[in-house]
Amino acid sequence: MARNDSEPAKRGRGRPPSAEVRRRILETAAAVLRENGVSEVTFDKVARRAEVSRMTLYKWFRSPASLALAAFEDTYADSLRPESSGDLWTDLRTHLREFVANLSEPGIGTMVAGLLGSAQHDPALATEISDTYTRPRREGATELLRAAQERGQLPPSVDVEALVDQLWGACYARLLLPEGTLNEAFADALVTNLRALTSPH
């Protein structure tokens, strides 16, 4: 969910503190990102709307795409790690539903798709996305699944890394490809199918 800071920060005399400036930059970039997409997050546009210099942006962000990613992570991204209740099927259903709900929010999926698309021809951005967005979430998912293996809820033969690709990757596939609908029913179906395939027959 997007954050809504309705009360503007109060400024005293002189130069505003760097934390306040960075906050204003990220909020401005997030607004541009949601309104116009990744390609429209430019240093010129954000600097003008945030009332800061372009040099300030260059000081903190490697590129406009890097700024767009930081703004997305700060404002729109879902939580990093799934919590564990001790029951794998409840945990998977809960987290996949939350993941799908986040990607299905108006504008969020488009932003994620735009960032992933930009990363295809920007290796540095791809590394940043991995470091700040995909890998931390992947690590949380693998921890959840490995703990379930230790409890005997998943067979030891299951390749946990591949299973993360099958579950969360299927959601990204629904996001990026025109076939199928990305919704709660799809998240539930992924869990139901996995449980059926891994249950003793």
N, C-alpha and C. Protein backbone atom coordinates (compact mmCIF):
# COMPACT_ATOMS: atom_id res chain seq x y z
N MET A 1 0.84 -1.20 0.00
CA MET A 1 0.00 0.00 0.00
C MET A 1 0.88 1.25 0.00
N ALA A 2 0.43 2.26 -0.72
CA ALA A 2 1.20 3.50 -0.76
C ALA A 2 1.08 4.23 0.56
N ARG A 3 2.15 4.86 0.95
CA ARG A 3 2.12 5.65 2.17
C ARG A 3 1.48 6.99 1.90
N ASN A 4 0.81 7.51 2.88
CA ASN A 4 0.13 8.79 2.69
C ASN A 4 0.56 9.74 3.78
N ASP A 5 1.56 10.55 3.51
CA ASP A 5 2.02 11.54 4.49
C ASP A 5 1.32 12.85 4.19
N SER A 6 0.17 13.07 4.84
CA SER A 6 -0.65 14.23 4.51
C SER A 6 -0.11 15.52 5.10
N GLU A 7 0.68 15.43 6.16
CA GLU A 7 1.18 16.63 6.80
C GLU A 7 2.56 16.97 6.26
N PRO A 8 2.74 18.10 5.60
CA PRO A 8 4.06 18.47 5.10
C PRO A 8 5.03 18.73 6.24
N ALA A 9 6.29 18.41 5.98
CA ALA A 9 7.31 18.64 7.00
C ALA A 9 7.49 20.13 7.23
N LYS A 10 7.62 20.51 8.49
CA LYS A 10 7.83 21.91 8.81
C LYS A 10 9.30 22.26 8.68
N ARG A 11 9.58 23.35 8.02
CA ARG A 11 10.95 23.77 7.81
C ARG A 11 11.28 24.97 8.68
N GLY A 12 12.47 24.96 9.22
CA GLY A 12 12.95 26.14 9.92
C GLY A 12 13.72 27.00 8.95
N ARG A 13 14.46 27.95 9.45
CA ARG A 13 15.25 28.80 8.58
C ARG A 13 16.49 28.07 8.09
N GLY A 14 16.99 28.50 6.94
CA GLY A 14 18.20 27.91 6.40
C GLY A 14 17.92 26.67 5.59
N ARG A 15 18.97 25.95 5.28
CA ARG A 15 18.89 24.77 4.43
C ARG A 15 18.19 23.63 5.16
N PRO A 16 17.21 22.94 4.49
CA PRO A 16 16.53 21.80 5.15
C PRO A 16 17.50 20.64 5.33
N PRO A 17 17.31 19.82 6.35
CA PRO A 17 18.21 18.69 6.56
C PRO A 17 18.12 17.69 5.42
N SER A 18 19.21 16.94 5.21
CA SER A 18 19.29 16.03 4.07
C SER A 18 18.20 14.97 4.11
N ALA A 19 17.82 14.49 5.29
CA ALA A 19 16.76 13.48 5.39
C ALA A 19 15.44 14.02 4.84
N GLU A 20 15.16 15.28 5.13
CA GLU A 20 13.94 15.90 4.63
C GLU A 20 13.99 16.03 3.12
N VAL A 21 15.14 16.43 2.60
CA VAL A 21 15.30 16.58 1.15
C VAL A 21 15.13 15.23 0.46
N ARG A 22 15.78 14.20 0.99
CA ARG A 22 15.68 12.87 0.39
C ARG A 22 14.23 12.38 0.42
N ARG A 23 13.55 12.61 1.53
CA ARG A 23 12.14 12.22 1.63
C ARG A 23 11.31 12.91 0.55
N ARG A 24 11.55 14.19 0.33
CA ARG A 24 10.79 14.93 -0.68
C ARG A 24 11.09 14.40 -2.08
N ILE A 25 12.35 14.06 -2.32
CA ILE A 25 12.74 13.51 -3.62
C ILE A 25 12.04 12.18 -3.87
N LEU A 26 12.08 11.29 -2.89
CA LEU A 26 11.47 9.97 -3.07
C LEU A 26 9.96 10.07 -3.25
N GLU A 27 9.31 10.95 -2.49
CA GLU A 27 7.87 11.12 -2.64
C GLU A 27 7.52 11.68 -4.02
N THR A 28 8.34 12.61 -4.49
CA THR A 28 8.10 13.19 -5.82
C THR A 28 8.32 12.15 -6.91
N ALA A 29 9.41 11.41 -6.81
CA ALA A 29 9.70 10.37 -7.80
C ALA A 29 8.62 9.29 -7.79
N ALA A 30 8.13 8.93 -6.60
CA ALA A 30 7.06 7.94 -6.51
C ALA A 30 5.80 8.42 -7.20
N ALA A 31 5.49 9.69 -7.06
CA ALA A 31 4.31 10.25 -7.71
C ALA A 31 4.46 10.23 -9.23
N VAL A 32 5.64 10.61 -9.72
CA VAL A 32 5.89 10.58 -11.17
C VAL A 32 5.83 9.15 -11.68
N LEU A 33 6.41 8.23 -10.94
CA LEU A 33 6.43 6.82 -11.32
C LEU A 33 5.01 6.28 -11.46
N ARG A 34 4.16 6.59 -10.49
CA ARG A 34 2.80 6.09 -10.53
C ARG A 34 1.98 6.76 -11.64
N GLU A 35 2.21 8.03 -11.83
CA GLU A 35 1.43 8.78 -12.82
C GLU A 35 1.84 8.46 -14.25
N ASN A 36 3.16 8.32 -14.48
CA ASN A 36 3.66 8.30 -15.86
C ASN A 36 4.54 7.10 -16.23
N GLY A 37 4.95 6.30 -15.24
CA GLY A 37 5.78 5.15 -15.55
C GLY A 37 7.27 5.42 -15.40
N VAL A 38 8.05 4.34 -15.50
CA VAL A 38 9.48 4.41 -15.25
C VAL A 38 10.18 5.38 -16.19
N SER A 39 9.80 5.35 -17.47
CA SER A 39 10.52 6.15 -18.45
C SER A 39 10.40 7.65 -18.21
N GLU A 40 9.37 8.07 -17.47
CA GLU A 40 9.16 9.49 -17.22
C GLU A 40 9.80 9.97 -15.92
N VAL A 41 10.42 9.06 -15.17
CA VAL A 41 11.15 9.47 -13.97
C VAL A 41 12.53 9.95 -14.43
N THR A 42 12.65 11.23 -14.68
CA THR A 42 13.91 11.83 -15.10
C THR A 42 14.42 12.76 -14.02
N PHE A 43 15.72 12.99 -14.02
CA PHE A 43 16.29 13.90 -13.04
C PHE A 43 15.74 15.31 -13.21
N ASP A 44 15.56 15.73 -14.45
CA ASP A 44 15.03 17.07 -14.69
C ASP A 44 13.64 17.23 -14.07
N LYS A 45 12.78 16.26 -14.36
CA LYS A 45 11.40 16.35 -13.89
C LYS A 45 11.32 16.28 -12.37
N VAL A 46 12.02 15.34 -11.78
CA VAL A 46 11.95 15.17 -10.33
C VAL A 46 12.59 16.36 -9.62
N ALA A 47 13.72 16.83 -10.13
CA ALA A 47 14.39 17.99 -9.51
C ALA A 47 13.47 19.21 -9.53
N ARG A 48 12.80 19.42 -10.66
CA ARG A 48 11.92 20.58 -10.77
C ARG A 48 10.74 20.47 -9.81
N ARG A 49 10.11 19.30 -9.77
CA ARG A 49 8.92 19.15 -8.93
C ARG A 49 9.27 19.10 -7.45
N ALA A 50 10.44 18.55 -7.11
CA ALA A 50 10.85 18.47 -5.71
C ALA A 50 11.58 19.72 -5.24
N GLU A 51 11.85 20.62 -6.17
CA GLU A 51 12.54 21.87 -5.87
C GLU A 51 13.93 21.62 -5.27
N VAL A 52 14.68 20.76 -5.97
CA VAL A 52 16.06 20.50 -5.59
C VAL A 52 16.92 20.60 -6.85
N SER A 53 18.23 20.60 -6.68
CA SER A 53 19.12 20.67 -7.82
C SER A 53 19.34 19.27 -8.41
N ARG A 54 19.67 19.24 -9.69
CA ARG A 54 20.02 17.97 -10.31
C ARG A 54 21.25 17.35 -9.64
N MET A 55 22.18 18.17 -9.18
CA MET A 55 23.37 17.65 -8.52
C MET A 55 23.02 16.88 -7.26
N THR A 56 21.97 17.30 -6.58
CA THR A 56 21.53 16.57 -5.39
C THR A 56 21.09 15.15 -5.77
N LEU A 57 20.40 15.02 -6.89
CA LEU A 57 19.97 13.70 -7.35
C LEU A 57 21.17 12.86 -7.75
N TYR A 58 22.11 13.45 -8.47
CA TYR A 58 23.31 12.72 -8.88
C TYR A 58 24.11 12.26 -7.65
N LYS A 59 24.04 12.99 -6.58
CA LYS A 59 24.79 12.63 -5.38
C LYS A 59 24.26 11.34 -4.77
N TRP A 60 22.94 11.12 -4.86
CA TRP A 60 22.33 9.98 -4.18
C TRP A 60 21.95 8.83 -5.09
N PHE A 61 21.74 9.11 -6.38
CA PHE A 61 21.22 8.07 -7.27
C PHE A 61 22.06 7.95 -8.53
N ARG A 62 22.35 6.71 -8.89
CA ARG A 62 23.21 6.44 -10.03
C ARG A 62 22.58 6.88 -11.35
N SER A 63 21.27 6.75 -11.45
CA SER A 63 20.57 7.03 -12.70
C SER A 63 19.11 7.30 -12.38
N PRO A 64 18.33 7.82 -13.33
CA PRO A 64 16.89 7.98 -13.10
C PRO A 64 16.20 6.66 -12.78
N ALA A 65 16.62 5.58 -13.45
CA ALA A 65 16.02 4.27 -13.16
C ALA A 65 16.31 3.84 -11.73
N SER A 66 17.51 4.13 -11.26
CA SER A 66 17.87 3.82 -9.88
C SER A 66 17.01 4.62 -8.91
N LEU A 67 16.74 5.87 -9.23
CA LEU A 67 15.84 6.69 -8.42
C LEU A 67 14.44 6.12 -8.44
N ALA A 68 13.97 5.69 -9.61
CA ALA A 68 12.64 5.10 -9.71
C ALA A 68 12.53 3.86 -8.83
N LEU A 69 13.57 3.02 -8.84
CA LEU A 69 13.56 1.82 -8.00
C LEU A 69 13.52 2.19 -6.53
N ALA A 70 14.34 3.16 -6.11
CA ALA A 70 14.35 3.58 -4.71
C ALA A 70 12.99 4.12 -4.29
N ALA A 71 12.36 4.88 -5.17
CA ALA A 71 11.04 5.43 -4.86
C ALA A 71 10.00 4.33 -4.75
N PHE A 72 10.09 3.35 -5.65
CA PHE A 72 9.15 2.22 -5.59
C PHE A 72 9.33 1.44 -4.30
N GLU A 73 10.57 1.10 -3.97
CA GLU A 73 10.84 0.35 -2.75
C GLU A 73 10.36 1.11 -1.51
N ASP A 74 10.56 2.40 -1.50
CA ASP A 74 10.22 3.22 -0.34
C ASP A 74 8.72 3.37 -0.16
N THR A 75 7.98 3.38 -1.25
CA THR A 75 6.57 3.78 -1.19
C THR A 75 5.58 2.66 -1.47
N TYR A 76 5.91 1.78 -2.41
CA TYR A 76 4.90 0.86 -2.92
C TYR A 76 5.17 -0.61 -2.68
N ALA A 77 6.41 -1.01 -2.41
CA ALA A 77 6.74 -2.42 -2.37
C ALA A 77 6.09 -3.12 -1.18
N ASP A 78 5.87 -4.43 -1.32
CA ASP A 78 5.32 -5.23 -0.24
C ASP A 78 6.39 -5.51 0.80
N SER A 79 6.00 -6.22 1.86
CA SER A 79 6.94 -6.52 2.93
C SER A 79 8.02 -7.49 2.45
N LEU A 80 9.20 -7.43 3.09
CA LEU A 80 10.34 -8.20 2.63
C LEU A 80 10.21 -9.70 2.88
N ARG A 81 9.81 -10.08 4.06
CA ARG A 81 9.88 -11.48 4.43
C ARG A 81 8.55 -12.01 4.96
N PRO A 82 8.16 -13.21 4.50
CA PRO A 82 6.93 -13.81 5.02
C PRO A 82 7.12 -14.28 6.45
N GLU A 83 6.11 -14.06 7.28
CA GLU A 83 6.16 -14.55 8.65
C GLU A 83 5.71 -16.01 8.68
N SER A 84 6.21 -16.73 9.67
CA SER A 84 5.89 -18.15 9.78
C SER A 84 4.98 -18.41 10.98
N SER A 85 3.90 -19.15 10.73
CA SER A 85 3.00 -19.56 11.81
C SER A 85 3.31 -20.98 12.26
N GLY A 86 4.18 -21.66 11.50
CA GLY A 86 4.46 -23.06 11.78
C GLY A 86 3.70 -24.01 10.89
N ASP A 87 2.71 -23.49 10.15
CA ASP A 87 1.96 -24.31 9.21
C ASP A 87 2.26 -23.83 7.80
N LEU A 88 2.92 -24.65 7.01
CA LEU A 88 3.38 -24.25 5.68
C LEU A 88 2.24 -23.78 4.79
N TRP A 89 1.15 -24.52 4.78
CA TRP A 89 0.09 -24.23 3.81
C TRP A 89 -0.62 -22.92 4.15
N THR A 90 -0.81 -22.66 5.43
CA THR A 90 -1.37 -21.37 5.84
C THR A 90 -0.43 -20.24 5.48
N ASP A 91 0.86 -20.45 5.76
CA ASP A 91 1.85 -19.40 5.48
C ASP A 91 1.95 -19.10 3.99
N LEU A 92 2.01 -20.15 3.17
CA LEU A 92 2.11 -19.94 1.73
C LEU A 92 0.88 -19.23 1.18
N ARG A 93 -0.28 -19.68 1.62
CA ARG A 93 -1.52 -19.05 1.12
C ARG A 93 -1.57 -17.58 1.53
N THR A 94 -1.21 -17.30 2.77
CA THR A 94 -1.25 -15.92 3.26
C THR A 94 -0.27 -15.04 2.50
N HIS A 95 0.97 -15.52 2.36
CA HIS A 95 1.98 -14.67 1.73
C HIS A 95 1.75 -14.50 0.24
N LEU A 96 1.37 -15.58 -0.44
CA LEU A 96 1.11 -15.46 -1.88
C LEU A 96 -0.09 -14.57 -2.16
N ARG A 97 -1.09 -14.64 -1.29
CA ARG A 97 -2.22 -13.72 -1.45
C ARG A 97 -1.78 -12.27 -1.28
N GLU A 98 -0.92 -12.01 -0.28
CA GLU A 98 -0.43 -10.64 -0.07
C GLU A 98 0.43 -10.19 -1.24
N PHE A 99 1.25 -11.09 -1.75
CA PHE A 99 2.11 -10.77 -2.90
C PHE A 99 1.27 -10.42 -4.12
N VAL A 100 0.28 -11.26 -4.40
CA VAL A 100 -0.60 -11.04 -5.54
C VAL A 100 -1.41 -9.75 -5.36
N ALA A 101 -1.88 -9.51 -4.14
CA ALA A 101 -2.65 -8.30 -3.88
C ALA A 101 -1.81 -7.06 -4.13
N ASN A 102 -0.54 -7.10 -3.72
CA ASN A 102 0.34 -5.95 -3.95
C ASN A 102 0.56 -5.72 -5.44
N LEU A 103 0.85 -6.79 -6.19
CA LEU A 103 1.07 -6.65 -7.62
C LEU A 103 -0.19 -6.24 -8.37
N SER A 104 -1.36 -6.55 -7.78
CA SER A 104 -2.63 -6.26 -8.45
C SER A 104 -3.18 -4.87 -8.12
N GLU A 105 -2.57 -4.19 -7.16
CA GLU A 105 -3.03 -2.83 -6.86
C GLU A 105 -2.89 -1.95 -8.09
N PRO A 106 -3.82 -1.04 -8.31
CA PRO A 106 -3.74 -0.18 -9.49
C PRO A 106 -2.38 0.50 -9.60
N GLY A 107 -1.72 0.26 -10.71
CA GLY A 107 -0.44 0.91 -10.97
C GLY A 107 0.77 0.16 -10.47
N ILE A 108 0.64 -0.68 -9.45
CA ILE A 108 1.81 -1.35 -8.86
C ILE A 108 2.42 -2.34 -9.86
N GLY A 109 1.58 -3.20 -10.41
CA GLY A 109 2.07 -4.19 -11.36
C GLY A 109 2.75 -3.54 -12.55
N THR A 110 2.19 -2.44 -13.02
CA THR A 110 2.79 -1.72 -14.15
C THR A 110 4.18 -1.20 -13.79
N MET A 111 4.31 -0.70 -12.56
CA MET A 111 5.62 -0.21 -12.11
C MET A 111 6.64 -1.34 -12.03
N VAL A 112 6.22 -2.48 -11.46
CA VAL A 112 7.13 -3.63 -11.36
C VAL A 112 7.54 -4.10 -12.75
N ALA A 113 6.57 -4.22 -13.64
CA ALA A 113 6.87 -4.65 -15.01
C ALA A 113 7.82 -3.67 -15.69
N GLY A 114 7.61 -2.38 -15.47
CA GLY A 114 8.48 -1.37 -16.07
C GLY A 114 9.90 -1.44 -15.56
N LEU A 115 10.04 -1.64 -14.25
CA LEU A 115 11.38 -1.74 -13.66
C LEU A 115 12.09 -3.00 -14.15
N LEU A 116 11.37 -4.12 -14.20
CA LEU A 116 11.98 -5.36 -14.69
C LEU A 116 12.35 -5.23 -16.16
N GLY A 117 11.51 -4.55 -16.92
CA GLY A 117 11.82 -4.34 -18.33
C GLY A 117 13.06 -3.47 -18.51
N SER A 118 13.16 -2.40 -17.74
CA SER A 118 14.33 -1.52 -17.82
C SER A 118 15.61 -2.26 -17.45
N ALA A 119 15.50 -3.20 -16.52
CA ALA A 119 16.67 -3.94 -16.06
C ALA A 119 17.25 -4.85 -17.15
N GLN A 120 16.45 -5.17 -18.17
CA GLN A 120 16.93 -6.07 -19.22
C GLN A 120 18.06 -5.44 -20.03
N HIS A 121 18.10 -4.11 -20.11
CA HIS A 121 19.17 -3.45 -20.85
C HIS A 121 19.99 -2.51 -19.97
N ASP A 122 19.89 -2.71 -18.65
CA ASP A 122 20.67 -1.91 -17.69
C ASP A 122 21.20 -2.86 -16.62
N PRO A 123 22.37 -3.46 -16.83
CA PRO A 123 22.91 -4.44 -15.89
C PRO A 123 23.04 -3.90 -14.46
N ALA A 124 23.40 -2.62 -14.33
CA ALA A 124 23.54 -2.06 -12.98
C ALA A 124 22.19 -2.00 -12.28
N LEU A 125 21.13 -1.65 -13.03
CA LEU A 125 19.79 -1.64 -12.44
C LEU A 125 19.36 -3.05 -12.07
N ALA A 126 19.69 -4.03 -12.92
CA ALA A 126 19.35 -5.42 -12.62
C ALA A 126 19.98 -5.85 -11.30
N THR A 127 21.23 -5.44 -11.07
CA THR A 127 21.90 -5.76 -9.81
C THR A 127 21.20 -5.07 -8.64
N GLU A 128 20.82 -3.81 -8.81
CA GLU A 128 20.12 -3.08 -7.75
C GLU A 128 18.78 -3.74 -7.43
N ILE A 129 18.03 -4.14 -8.46
CA ILE A 129 16.74 -4.81 -8.23
C ILE A 129 16.96 -6.11 -7.47
N SER A 130 18.00 -6.85 -7.85
CA SER A 130 18.30 -8.09 -7.15
C SER A 130 18.65 -7.83 -5.69
N ASP A 131 19.50 -6.81 -5.45
CA ASP A 131 19.98 -6.53 -4.10
C ASP A 131 18.87 -6.03 -3.18
N THR A 132 17.99 -5.18 -3.71
CA THR A 132 17.02 -4.51 -2.84
C THR A 132 15.60 -5.05 -2.91
N TYR A 133 15.26 -5.74 -4.01
CA TYR A 133 13.87 -6.17 -4.19
C TYR A 133 13.72 -7.68 -4.29
N THR A 134 14.31 -8.31 -5.30
CA THR A 134 14.01 -9.73 -5.52
C THR A 134 14.75 -10.66 -4.56
N ARG A 135 16.06 -10.44 -4.33
CA ARG A 135 16.81 -11.39 -3.51
C ARG A 135 16.36 -11.41 -2.05
N PRO A 136 16.13 -10.26 -1.39
CA PRO A 136 15.65 -10.34 -0.01
C PRO A 136 14.32 -11.09 0.12
N ARG A 137 13.43 -10.91 -0.86
CA ARG A 137 12.15 -11.62 -0.82
C ARG A 137 12.36 -13.10 -1.10
N ARG A 138 13.27 -13.40 -2.01
CA ARG A 138 13.57 -14.79 -2.31
C ARG A 138 14.17 -15.50 -1.08
N GLU A 139 15.05 -14.81 -0.39
CA GLU A 139 15.65 -15.41 0.80
C GLU A 139 14.59 -15.69 1.86
N GLY A 140 13.65 -14.78 2.02
CA GLY A 140 12.57 -15.01 2.98
C GLY A 140 11.73 -16.22 2.61
N ALA A 141 11.46 -16.37 1.32
CA ALA A 141 10.66 -17.50 0.86
C ALA A 141 11.40 -18.82 1.03
N THR A 142 12.69 -18.84 0.71
CA THR A 142 13.43 -20.08 0.87
C THR A 142 13.56 -20.47 2.35
N GLU A 143 13.71 -19.50 3.23
CA GLU A 143 13.75 -19.79 4.66
C GLU A 143 12.44 -20.43 5.11
N LEU A 144 11.33 -19.90 4.63
CA LEU A 144 10.01 -20.44 4.97
C LEU A 144 9.90 -21.89 4.53
N LEU A 145 10.35 -22.18 3.31
CA LEU A 145 10.22 -23.53 2.77
C LEU A 145 11.20 -24.50 3.43
N ARG A 146 12.41 -24.04 3.70
CA ARG A 146 13.37 -24.94 4.36
C ARG A 146 12.92 -25.28 5.78
N ALA A 147 12.33 -24.31 6.47
CA ALA A 147 11.80 -24.60 7.81
C ALA A 147 10.69 -25.64 7.71
N ALA A 148 9.88 -25.55 6.67
CA ALA A 148 8.81 -26.54 6.48
C ALA A 148 9.40 -27.92 6.21
N GLN A 149 10.50 -27.98 5.47
CA GLN A 149 11.18 -29.26 5.26
C GLN A 149 11.65 -29.85 6.57
N GLU A 150 12.21 -29.01 7.43
CA GLU A 150 12.70 -29.49 8.71
C GLU A 150 11.56 -30.01 9.58
N ARG A 151 10.37 -29.43 9.43
CA ARG A 151 9.20 -29.90 10.19
C ARG A 151 8.54 -31.11 9.55
N GLY A 152 9.02 -31.52 8.38
CA GLY A 152 8.43 -32.66 7.68
C GLY A 152 7.22 -32.32 6.84
N GLN A 153 6.97 -31.03 6.60
CA GLN A 153 5.82 -30.63 5.80
C GLN A 153 6.11 -30.61 4.31
N LEU A 154 7.39 -30.68 3.95
CA LEU A 154 7.81 -30.82 2.56
C LEU A 154 8.81 -31.97 2.50
N PRO A 155 8.75 -32.80 1.46
CA PRO A 155 9.74 -33.88 1.33
C PRO A 155 11.15 -33.32 1.21
N PRO A 156 12.15 -33.99 1.76
CA PRO A 156 13.53 -33.51 1.68
C PRO A 156 14.05 -33.46 0.25
N SER A 157 13.42 -34.18 -0.66
CA SER A 157 13.85 -34.19 -2.05
C SER A 157 13.45 -32.94 -2.82
N VAL A 158 12.57 -32.12 -2.25
CA VAL A 158 12.12 -30.91 -2.94
C VAL A 158 13.26 -29.90 -3.06
N ASP A 159 13.47 -29.40 -4.26
CA ASP A 159 14.46 -28.34 -4.49
C ASP A 159 13.80 -27.01 -4.13
N VAL A 160 14.18 -26.46 -2.99
CA VAL A 160 13.52 -25.27 -2.47
C VAL A 160 13.69 -24.07 -3.40
N GLU A 161 14.88 -23.90 -3.94
CA GLU A 161 15.12 -22.76 -4.84
C GLU A 161 14.21 -22.86 -6.07
N ALA A 162 14.11 -24.05 -6.64
CA ALA A 162 13.24 -24.24 -7.80
C ALA A 162 11.78 -24.03 -7.44
N LEU A 163 11.40 -24.42 -6.21
CA LEU A 163 10.01 -24.25 -5.79
C LEU A 163 9.65 -22.77 -5.65
N VAL A 164 10.60 -21.96 -5.19
CA VAL A 164 10.36 -20.51 -5.14
C VAL A 164 10.07 -19.99 -6.55
N ASP A 165 10.85 -20.46 -7.54
CA ASP A 165 10.61 -20.05 -8.92
C ASP A 165 9.22 -20.49 -9.38
N GLN A 166 8.81 -21.70 -9.00
CA GLN A 166 7.52 -22.21 -9.44
C GLN A 166 6.36 -21.40 -8.85
N LEU A 167 6.47 -21.00 -7.59
CA LEU A 167 5.37 -20.30 -6.93
C LEU A 167 5.39 -18.81 -7.21
N TRP A 168 6.45 -18.13 -6.78
CA TRP A 168 6.52 -16.68 -6.97
C TRP A 168 6.76 -16.33 -8.45
N GLY A 169 7.54 -17.17 -9.13
CA GLY A 169 7.78 -16.94 -10.55
C GLY A 169 6.51 -17.04 -11.36
N ALA A 170 5.60 -17.92 -10.96
CA ALA A 170 4.32 -18.03 -11.66
C ALA A 170 3.52 -16.73 -11.54
N CYS A 171 3.63 -16.07 -10.41
CA CYS A 171 2.94 -14.78 -10.22
C CYS A 171 3.53 -13.71 -11.13
N TYR A 172 4.87 -13.69 -11.24
CA TYR A 172 5.50 -12.73 -12.15
C TYR A 172 5.11 -13.04 -13.60
N ALA A 173 5.00 -14.32 -13.93
CA ALA A 173 4.61 -14.69 -15.29
C ALA A 173 3.21 -14.18 -15.61
N ARG A 174 2.29 -14.34 -14.66
CA ARG A 174 0.93 -13.82 -14.85
C ARG A 174 0.93 -12.30 -14.96
N LEU A 175 1.86 -11.65 -14.27
CA LEU A 175 1.95 -10.19 -14.34
C LEU A 175 2.43 -9.74 -15.71
N LEU A 176 3.45 -10.42 -16.25
CA LEU A 176 4.13 -9.96 -17.45
C LEU A 176 3.51 -10.48 -18.74
N LEU A 177 2.80 -11.60 -18.68
CA LEU A 177 2.22 -12.19 -19.88
C LEU A 177 0.72 -11.95 -19.93
N PRO A 178 0.15 -11.87 -21.13
CA PRO A 178 -1.28 -11.55 -21.24
C PRO A 178 -2.22 -12.70 -20.88
N GLU A 179 -1.71 -13.92 -20.79
CA GLU A 179 -2.57 -15.06 -20.50
C GLU A 179 -2.86 -15.17 -19.01
N GLY A 180 -4.13 -15.38 -18.68
CA GLY A 180 -4.50 -15.63 -17.30
C GLY A 180 -4.66 -14.37 -16.48
N THR A 181 -5.21 -14.55 -15.28
CA THR A 181 -5.49 -13.43 -14.37
C THR A 181 -4.69 -13.61 -13.10
N LEU A 182 -4.10 -12.54 -12.64
CA LEU A 182 -3.34 -12.56 -11.39
C LEU A 182 -4.26 -12.11 -10.27
N ASN A 183 -4.77 -13.07 -9.49
CA ASN A 183 -5.70 -12.75 -8.41
C ASN A 183 -5.54 -13.76 -7.28
N GLU A 184 -6.36 -13.58 -6.25
CA GLU A 184 -6.28 -14.44 -5.06
C GLU A 184 -6.56 -15.89 -5.40
N ALA A 185 -7.49 -16.13 -6.31
CA ALA A 185 -7.82 -17.50 -6.69
C ALA A 185 -6.61 -18.20 -7.31
N PHE A 186 -5.82 -17.46 -8.07
CA PHE A 186 -4.61 -18.04 -8.66
C PHE A 186 -3.60 -18.38 -7.57
N ALA A 187 -3.42 -17.51 -6.59
CA ALA A 187 -2.52 -17.79 -5.48
C ALA A 187 -2.95 -19.04 -4.73
N ASP A 188 -4.24 -19.16 -4.47
CA ASP A 188 -4.75 -20.34 -3.77
C ASP A 188 -4.53 -21.61 -4.59
N ALA A 189 -4.71 -21.51 -5.91
CA ALA A 189 -4.53 -22.68 -6.77
C ALA A 189 -3.09 -23.17 -6.74
N LEU A 190 -2.14 -22.24 -6.69
CA LEU A 190 -0.73 -22.63 -6.60
C LEU A 190 -0.47 -23.46 -5.34
N VAL A 191 -1.03 -23.02 -4.23
CA VAL A 191 -0.83 -23.73 -2.97
C VAL A 191 -1.55 -25.08 -2.98
N THR A 192 -2.77 -25.09 -3.49
CA THR A 192 -3.54 -26.34 -3.56
C THR A 192 -2.82 -27.37 -4.43
N ASN A 193 -2.30 -26.94 -5.57
CA ASN A 193 -1.58 -27.86 -6.45
C ASN A 193 -0.33 -28.41 -5.78
N LEU A 194 0.42 -27.55 -5.12
CA LEU A 194 1.64 -28.00 -4.44
C LEU A 194 1.30 -29.01 -3.35
N ARG A 195 0.28 -28.72 -2.59
CA ARG A 195 -0.09 -29.63 -1.49
C ARG A 195 -0.51 -30.99 -2.03
N ALA A 196 -1.26 -30.99 -3.15
CA ALA A 196 -1.69 -32.24 -3.74
C ALA A 196 -0.51 -33.06 -4.26
N LEU A 197 0.47 -32.38 -4.83
CA LEU A 197 1.61 -33.06 -5.41
C LEU A 197 2.59 -33.60 -4.36
N THR A 198 2.62 -32.95 -3.21
CA THR A 198 3.59 -33.36 -2.19
C THR A 198 2.98 -34.22 -1.09
N SER A 199 1.66 -34.39 -1.10
CA SER A 199 1.01 -35.22 -0.09
C SER A 199 1.17 -36.69 -0.43
N PRO A 200 1.29 -37.56 0.58
CA PRO A 200 1.41 -39.00 0.31
C PRO A 200 0.15 -39.52 -0.38
N HIS A 201 0.33 -40.43 -1.31
CA HIS A 201 -0.82 -41.02 -2.03
C HIS A 201 -1.05 -42.44 -1.56
